[in-house]
Protein backbone atom coordinates (compact mmCIF):
# COMPACT_ATOMS: atom_id res chain seq x y z
CA UNK A 1 -6.82 -21.22 -50.48
CA UNK A 2 -3.62 -19.92 -48.87
CA UNK A 3 -1.50 -22.61 -47.23
CA UNK A 4 -0.25 -22.23 -43.68
CA UNK A 5 3.33 -22.48 -44.85
CA UNK A 6 2.91 -19.42 -47.06
CA UNK A 7 1.53 -17.21 -44.30
CA UNK A 8 3.72 -14.83 -42.32
CA UNK A 9 4.46 -15.46 -38.61
CA UNK A 10 2.45 -12.33 -37.79
CA UNK A 11 -0.56 -13.57 -39.76
CA UNK A 12 -0.34 -16.97 -38.12
CA UNK A 13 -0.28 -15.61 -34.60
CA UNK A 14 -3.22 -13.26 -35.16
CA UNK A 15 -5.18 -16.09 -36.75
CA UNK A 16 -4.24 -18.34 -33.84
CA UNK A 17 -5.47 -15.79 -31.34
CA UNK A 18 -8.78 -15.51 -33.14
CA UNK A 19 -9.16 -19.27 -33.05
CA UNK A 20 -8.01 -19.49 -29.44
CA UNK A 21 -5.05 -21.67 -30.44
CA UNK A 22 -2.62 -21.86 -27.53
CA UNK A 23 -0.31 -24.04 -29.61
CA UNK A 24 0.03 -21.22 -32.12
CA UNK A 25 0.65 -18.64 -29.42
CA UNK A 26 3.30 -20.66 -27.62
CA UNK A 27 4.87 -21.71 -30.89
CA UNK A 28 5.29 -18.08 -31.84
CA UNK A 29 6.66 -17.27 -28.39
CA UNK A 30 9.40 -19.81 -28.96
CA UNK A 31 10.03 -18.44 -32.45
CA UNK A 32 10.41 -14.91 -31.11
CA UNK A 33 12.48 -16.03 -28.13
CA UNK A 34 15.20 -17.55 -30.27
CA UNK A 35 15.00 -15.12 -33.18
CA UNK A 36 14.99 -11.98 -31.02
CA UNK A 37 16.52 -12.41 -27.57
CA UNK A 38 15.70 -8.81 -26.64
CA UNK A 39 11.96 -9.63 -26.48
CA UNK A 40 11.44 -12.90 -24.63
CA UNK A 41 7.96 -11.84 -23.43
CA UNK A 42 8.77 -13.05 -19.94
CA UNK A 43 6.06 -11.15 -18.07
CA UNK A 44 3.46 -11.77 -20.74
CA UNK A 45 4.11 -15.51 -20.66
CA UNK A 46 4.09 -15.53 -16.87
CA UNK A 47 0.67 -13.89 -16.74
CA UNK A 48 -0.88 -16.17 -19.36
CA UNK A 49 0.59 -19.30 -17.80
CA UNK A 50 -0.73 -18.31 -14.37
CA UNK A 51 -4.23 -17.71 -15.71
CA UNK A 52 -4.23 -21.08 -17.43
CA UNK A 53 -2.74 -23.00 -14.51
CA UNK A 54 -5.08 -21.54 -11.89
CA UNK A 55 -8.15 -21.90 -14.07
CA UNK A 56 -9.43 -18.46 -13.13
CA UNK A 57 -12.01 -16.49 -15.03
CA UNK A 58 -14.21 -13.45 -14.72
CA UNK A 59 -13.51 -11.21 -11.74
CA UNK A 60 -10.47 -13.19 -10.55
CA UNK A 61 -8.34 -12.25 -13.56
CA UNK A 62 -7.23 -8.73 -12.56
CA UNK A 63 -6.19 -9.65 -8.95
CA UNK A 64 -4.23 -12.64 -10.23
CA UNK A 65 -2.41 -10.54 -12.85
CA UNK A 66 -1.54 -8.00 -10.14
CA UNK A 67 -0.09 -10.74 -7.92
CA UNK A 68 1.84 -12.38 -10.74
CA UNK A 69 3.49 -9.15 -11.87
CA UNK A 70 4.45 -7.86 -8.42
CA UNK A 71 8.22 -7.39 -8.12
CA UNK A 72 8.71 -8.07 -11.84
CA UNK A 73 9.63 -5.78 -14.70
CA UNK A 74 6.09 -5.74 -16.07
CA UNK A 75 5.15 -2.33 -17.46
CA UNK A 76 1.36 -2.56 -17.30
CA UNK A 77 -0.88 -0.03 -15.56
CA UNK A 78 -1.14 -1.83 -12.20
CA UNK A 79 -3.71 -1.48 -9.44
CA UNK A 80 -2.61 1.87 -7.94
CA UNK A 81 -2.86 3.72 -11.23
CA UNK A 82 -5.72 1.49 -12.30
CA UNK A 83 -7.96 3.13 -9.71
CA UNK A 84 -7.71 6.41 -11.64
CA UNK A 85 -8.69 4.73 -14.89
CA UNK A 86 -11.51 2.88 -13.10
CA UNK A 87 -12.97 6.17 -11.89
CA UNK A 88 -12.91 7.68 -15.37
CA UNK A 89 -14.68 4.67 -16.88
CA UNK A 90 -17.30 4.50 -14.11
CA UNK A 91 -18.11 8.20 -14.28
CA UNK A 92 -18.21 8.53 -18.07
CA UNK A 93 -19.38 5.10 -19.27
CA UNK A 94 -18.04 5.69 -22.80
CA UNK A 95 -19.63 3.85 -25.71
CA UNK A 96 -16.30 3.63 -27.56
CA UNK A 97 -12.87 3.32 -25.93
CA UNK A 98 -9.61 3.27 -27.87
CA UNK A 99 -6.47 2.03 -26.16
CA UNK A 100 -3.00 2.64 -27.53
CA UNK A 101 -0.82 -0.26 -26.36
CA UNK A 102 -2.43 -3.57 -25.40
CA UNK A 103 0.59 -5.23 -23.73
CA UNK A 104 -0.93 -8.42 -22.24
CA UNK A 105 -4.50 -7.09 -22.04
CA UNK A 106 -4.54 -5.86 -18.45
CA UNK A 107 -6.02 -2.39 -18.88
CA UNK A 108 -8.41 -3.41 -21.67
CA UNK A 109 -9.84 -6.16 -19.45
CA UNK A 110 -9.96 -3.80 -16.47
CA UNK A 111 -11.97 -1.24 -18.45
CA UNK A 112 -14.24 -3.81 -20.06
CA UNK A 113 -15.29 -5.09 -16.64
CA UNK A 114 -16.67 -1.64 -15.80
CA UNK A 115 -18.62 -0.89 -18.98
CA UNK A 116 -22.34 -1.25 -18.27
CA UNK A 117 -23.73 -0.71 -21.76
CA UNK A 118 -23.80 -4.09 -23.55
CA UNK A 119 -23.00 -2.29 -26.82
CA UNK A 120 -19.98 -0.42 -25.42
CA UNK A 121 -16.69 -1.60 -26.89
CA UNK A 122 -12.95 -1.21 -26.63
CA UNK A 123 -10.57 -1.08 -29.58
CA UNK A 124 -7.04 -1.84 -28.40
CA UNK A 125 -4.29 -0.99 -30.89
CA UNK A 126 -1.08 -3.01 -30.61
CA UNK A 127 1.79 -3.31 -33.15
CA UNK A 128 3.21 -6.52 -31.67
CA UNK A 129 1.49 -9.67 -32.96
CA UNK A 130 2.57 -11.79 -29.98
CA UNK A 131 1.00 -9.33 -27.58
CA UNK A 132 -2.17 -9.23 -29.67
CA UNK A 133 -2.39 -13.01 -29.35
CA UNK A 134 -1.74 -13.07 -25.60
CA UNK A 135 -4.07 -10.16 -24.86
CA UNK A 136 -6.82 -11.80 -26.91
CA UNK A 137 -6.47 -14.99 -24.89
CA UNK A 138 -6.46 -13.06 -21.60
CA UNK A 139 -9.66 -11.25 -22.63
CA UNK A 140 -11.26 -14.59 -23.44
CA UNK A 141 -10.30 -16.04 -20.05
CA UNK A 142 -11.71 -12.91 -18.38
CA UNK A 143 -14.98 -13.37 -20.31
CA UNK A 144 -14.87 -9.92 -21.91
CA UNK A 145 -13.69 -10.90 -25.40
CA UNK A 146 -17.03 -9.76 -26.82
CA UNK A 147 -16.30 -6.19 -25.69
CA UNK A 148 -12.71 -5.89 -26.93
CA UNK A 149 -11.32 -5.77 -30.46
CA UNK A 150 -7.53 -6.03 -30.67
CA UNK A 151 -6.34 -4.18 -33.76
CA UNK A 152 -2.93 -5.30 -34.99
CA UNK A 153 -0.83 -2.39 -36.25
CA UNK A 154 0.60 0.96 -35.26
CA UNK A 155 -1.61 3.78 -34.05
CA UNK A 156 -0.48 5.79 -37.06
CA UNK A 157 -1.86 3.10 -39.37
CA UNK A 158 -4.98 2.09 -37.45
CA UNK A 159 -6.46 5.38 -36.19
CA UNK A 160 -7.24 6.68 -39.72
CA UNK A 161 -9.26 3.48 -40.35
CA UNK A 162 -11.34 3.52 -37.16
CA UNK A 163 -14.35 5.37 -38.55
CA UNK A 164 -14.85 3.08 -41.54
CA UNK A 165 -13.54 -0.23 -40.21
CA UNK A 166 -15.28 -0.09 -36.83
CA UNK A 167 -18.18 2.16 -37.85
CA UNK A 168 -17.74 4.68 -35.07
CA UNK A 169 -18.63 8.36 -35.07
CA UNK A 170 -16.32 9.45 -32.28
CA UNK A 171 -14.34 8.13 -29.32
CA UNK A 172 -15.51 8.68 -25.74
CA UNK A 173 -12.31 7.60 -23.97
CA UNK A 174 -8.73 7.29 -25.16
CA UNK A 175 -6.21 5.47 -22.99
CA UNK A 176 -2.61 6.16 -24.02
CA UNK A 177 0.07 3.77 -22.77
CA UNK A 178 2.38 2.99 -25.69
CA UNK A 179 5.57 4.61 -27.03
CA UNK A 180 6.02 7.79 -24.98
CA UNK A 181 7.43 9.80 -27.88
CA UNK A 182 4.23 9.07 -29.86
CA UNK A 183 1.76 10.37 -27.29
CA UNK A 184 1.22 13.81 -28.84
CA UNK A 185 1.41 12.84 -32.50
CA UNK A 186 -0.98 9.91 -32.10
CA UNK A 187 -3.44 11.93 -30.02
CA UNK A 188 -3.52 14.54 -32.77
CA UNK A 189 -4.45 11.83 -35.26
CA UNK A 190 -7.78 11.44 -33.45
CA UNK A 191 -8.42 15.14 -33.96
CA UNK A 192 -7.28 15.09 -37.59
CA UNK A 193 -9.74 12.31 -38.38
CA UNK A 194 -12.64 13.91 -36.54
CA UNK A 195 -12.84 11.37 -33.73
CA UNK A 196 -12.86 13.84 -30.82
CA UNK A 197 -15.96 15.51 -29.40
CA UNK A 198 -16.30 17.93 -26.49
CA UNK A 199 -16.26 15.68 -23.43
CA UNK A 200 -13.92 13.05 -24.88
CA UNK A 201 -11.61 11.96 -22.05
CA UNK A 202 -7.94 11.14 -22.57
CA UNK A 203 -6.01 9.21 -19.90
CA UNK A 204 -2.25 8.98 -20.34
CA UNK A 205 0.04 6.81 -18.23
CA UNK A 206 3.76 7.21 -17.41
CA UNK A 207 3.91 11.00 -17.63
CA UNK A 208 6.71 11.05 -15.07
CA UNK A 209 8.13 7.53 -15.08
CA UNK A 210 9.66 6.75 -17.52
CA UNK A 211 8.35 10.10 -18.70
CA UNK A 212 6.47 11.77 -21.53
CA UNK A 213 7.72 15.38 -21.30
CA UNK A 214 6.45 16.43 -24.73
CA UNK A 215 2.93 15.28 -23.88
CA UNK A 216 3.03 16.92 -20.44
CA UNK A 217 4.11 20.24 -21.98
CA UNK A 218 1.48 19.95 -24.69
CA UNK A 219 -1.37 19.41 -22.24
CA UNK A 220 -0.21 22.17 -19.91
CA UNK A 221 -0.17 24.65 -22.81
CA UNK A 222 -3.33 23.43 -24.53
CA UNK A 223 -6.47 25.54 -24.61
CA UNK A 224 -8.45 22.64 -26.09
CA UNK A 225 -7.93 20.27 -23.17
CA UNK A 226 -8.51 20.65 -19.45
CA UNK A 227 -6.02 18.41 -17.65
CA UNK A 228 -5.47 17.10 -14.13
CA UNK A 229 -2.19 15.41 -13.26
CA UNK A 230 -2.49 12.67 -10.64
CA UNK A 231 0.61 11.67 -8.70
CA UNK A 232 0.63 7.98 -7.78
CA UNK A 233 3.05 5.13 -7.12
CA UNK A 234 4.80 3.90 -10.25
CA UNK A 235 4.47 0.34 -9.00
CA UNK A 236 2.28 -0.87 -6.15
CA UNK A 237 5.14 -2.56 -4.32
CA UNK A 238 7.66 0.27 -4.83
CA UNK A 239 7.10 3.20 -2.47
CA UNK A 240 10.31 4.97 -3.54
CA UNK A 241 9.26 5.75 -7.10
CA UNK A 242 6.20 7.60 -8.23
CA UNK A 243 4.53 8.40 -11.51
CA UNK A 244 1.93 10.77 -12.91
CA UNK A 245 -1.26 9.89 -14.76
CA UNK A 246 -2.80 12.68 -16.83
CA UNK A 247 -6.57 12.89 -17.22
CA UNK A 248 -7.65 15.35 -19.88
CA UNK A 249 -11.08 16.43 -21.14
CA UNK A 250 -11.41 17.75 -24.67
CA UNK A 251 -13.24 21.08 -24.72
CA UNK A 252 -13.22 21.65 -28.46
CA UNK A 253 -11.39 24.14 -30.60
C-alpha cells in the first residue's frame, strides 16, 4: 500500500476531492499559496467558502456564485453569457458533454442542472489539481456530482483517452473555455479521434475578450462548421466591455 507521505501533492488533492475531504483541499490551497504566489486561488476559495458558509445546495448554487464573483477578477462564464450556453443545452439535450477548463465548476454545474436524461454526463477536463478539487466539491454541494466527471490533465492528454476511458462513441456538446491559444488545436483533437458527428455543437467563450483570434478566423473560414457569433457583456456588472461567444454546429467533412 502506498503511504500518504509518498504521494504527490497533485495525487493527494485529487484523492481528497474524491473523498470530499475539505481538509485536504484547504491544505493544498495553503501549500499552493505559499509555494506559488501567482496563483492564490482567491476567487475559487471565495466561492467555495460562500457555498459552505451559507449552506446552500441544489438550485441556489448558481445565483450565489454569481453574487460572490460580481466585481471580482473571476474569469468564469457568468450569467449573461451563461444564457447562451443554457439555450444550447436545453435545445440539444446532449448525452455527452465535454468541457475544456473546469475553473471552480460553474459552467459544468450550470449545464448539469439542465440535462434531463438521467444517463447524460459531463466530462470536464482541467489541468490544475486544486481546481479539480474545488470544482468537485462545488458539484457535490450542487447535487450534480453524479453527472460530472472531472478529468485531471491537459486536453491534449485526456481527449485521446475519452473513447476508451469513458466508453463514449461521440460528443454531443463541447464547451471550450480554457487556454485561448489552444482552442483550435484541442478542437481538432476531437476530430482526429473520431469524436465529432454531424450535429455536434461547439460553444466557445472569450472570442473577443480576452480574445481567441485564431479560433475566430478558423470558424469563419471553415466549411465543416456553421457558426454564429453572439455579442454579449463580458461581465454582468460591466457595461463598458463586451465579449463574443461562438456557437458552432459540425456539419461533417
